[in-house]
Protein backbone atom coordinates (compact mmCIF):
# COMPACT_ATOMS: atom_id res chain seq x y z
CA MET A 1 0.00 0.00 0.00
CA HIS A 2 1.33 3.40 -0.95
CA ARG A 3 1.29 6.01 1.81
CA ARG A 4 0.78 9.67 1.04
CA ASN A 5 1.95 12.70 2.89
CA HIS A 6 -0.69 14.95 1.36
CA ALA A 7 -4.45 15.06 1.46
CA VAL A 8 -6.54 13.72 -1.40
CA THR A 9 -10.19 14.18 -2.15
CA LEU A 10 -12.65 11.35 -1.71
CA GLN A 11 -13.09 11.22 -5.49
CA GLN A 12 -9.32 10.85 -6.02
CA ALA A 13 -9.16 8.04 -3.47
CA ALA A 14 -12.17 6.32 -5.05
CA ASP A 15 -10.62 6.56 -8.52
CA GLU A 16 -7.54 4.69 -7.32
CA ALA A 17 -9.34 1.81 -5.59
CA PRO A 18 -11.08 -0.68 -7.93
CA VAL A 19 -13.82 -1.59 -5.46
CA LEU A 20 -14.58 2.08 -4.80
CA VAL A 21 -14.58 2.79 -8.55
CA GLN A 22 -17.26 0.14 -9.01
CA LEU A 23 -19.27 1.39 -6.04
CA SER A 24 -19.05 4.97 -7.30
CA ALA A 25 -20.28 3.85 -10.74
CA LEU A 26 -23.28 2.10 -9.16
CA VAL A 27 -24.15 5.22 -7.16
CA HIS A 28 -23.99 7.38 -10.30
CA ASP A 29 -26.08 4.84 -12.25
CA SER A 30 -28.71 4.69 -9.52
CA SER A 31 -28.93 8.50 -9.40
CA ALA A 32 -29.24 8.66 -13.19
CA ARG A 33 -32.12 6.17 -13.08
CA LEU A 34 -33.93 8.30 -10.53
CA ARG A 35 -33.46 11.42 -12.67
CA ALA A 36 -34.87 9.51 -15.65
CA ILE A 37 -38.09 8.57 -13.84
CA GLU A 38 -38.60 11.78 -11.83
CA PRO A 39 -40.98 13.32 -14.40
CA MET A 40 -43.22 10.26 -13.99
CA ILE A 41 -43.43 10.64 -10.20
CA PRO A 42 -46.17 12.97 -8.92
CA ALA A 43 -44.63 16.27 -7.80
CA ALA A 44 -45.89 15.84 -4.23
CA LEU A 45 -43.98 12.54 -3.90
CA ARG A 46 -40.64 13.50 -5.46
CA ALA A 47 -39.14 14.74 -2.20
CA LEU A 48 -40.01 11.40 -0.57
CA VAL A 49 -38.18 9.23 -3.12
CA ARG A 50 -34.44 8.42 -3.10
CA ALA A 51 -32.26 6.29 -5.34
CA GLY A 52 -31.27 3.01 -3.74
CA PRO A 53 -28.89 0.16 -4.48
CA ILE A 54 -28.62 -1.76 -7.73
CA ASP A 55 -28.33 -5.54 -7.54
CA GLY A 56 -27.88 -6.96 -11.03
CA THR A 57 -31.08 -6.22 -12.93
CA THR A 58 -33.00 -5.19 -9.79
CA TRP A 59 -33.02 -1.58 -8.65
CA CYS A 60 -34.27 -0.42 -5.28
CA ILE A 61 -36.10 2.84 -4.68
CA LEU A 62 -36.14 4.16 -1.11
CA VAL A 63 -39.39 5.88 -0.13
CA ARG A 64 -40.33 7.73 3.06
CA GLY A 65 -43.77 6.63 4.20
CA SER A 66 -46.11 3.75 3.47
CA SER A 67 -48.62 5.79 1.48
CA ALA A 68 -45.88 7.08 -0.83
CA ALA A 69 -44.60 3.51 -1.19
CA ALA A 70 -48.09 2.32 -2.15
CA LYS A 71 -48.30 4.94 -4.90
CA MET A 72 -44.82 4.05 -6.15
CA ARG A 73 -45.86 0.37 -6.31
CA GLN A 74 -48.75 1.40 -8.55
CA LEU A 75 -46.31 3.24 -10.83
CA ARG A 76 -43.71 0.45 -10.83
CA PRO A 77 -44.68 -1.25 -14.15
CA ALA A 78 -44.56 2.07 -16.01
CA LEU A 79 -41.28 3.03 -14.35
CA GLU A 80 -39.67 -0.29 -15.26
CA ALA A 81 -40.83 0.00 -18.88
CA HIS A 82 -39.56 3.59 -19.08
CA LEU A 83 -36.11 2.63 -17.79
CA ARG A 84 -35.90 -0.26 -20.25
CA SER A 85 -36.85 2.10 -23.09
CA LYS A 86 -33.95 4.35 -22.03
CA GLY A 87 -31.48 1.44 -22.26
CA TRP A 88 -31.22 0.24 -18.65
CA GLU A 89 -31.50 -3.48 -18.04
CA VAL A 90 -34.11 -3.40 -15.28
CA ASN A 91 -36.16 -6.51 -14.68
CA ALA A 92 -37.58 -5.34 -11.35
CA ILE A 93 -37.81 -2.29 -9.14
CA ARG A 94 -38.05 -2.90 -5.41
CA ILE A 95 -39.80 -0.29 -3.28
CA LYS A 96 -38.39 -0.11 0.23
CA ILE A 97 -39.84 2.09 2.96
CA GLN A 98 -37.26 4.19 4.77
CA THR A 99 -37.93 5.09 8.37
């Protein structure tokens, strides 16, 4: 392991570690997916929805509150189809309630 005597940014450190590079790419991909579906989410719910982890072809959306989660479950088929039409390989979207 190479020691440094100067500070580096988190991004610089992530760029030099393969595992962190992959993790950073997943975070950016998840955020891009959320931006792609935001126009389909009712305006009142947008602040309650966060991008979650990606596990293969399954993407997780984090939602604050059970009523918001119920609405997102109703939208799920349209959201999945929209993401596939934009080129993402998404077979399923999981909706997880955040407390």
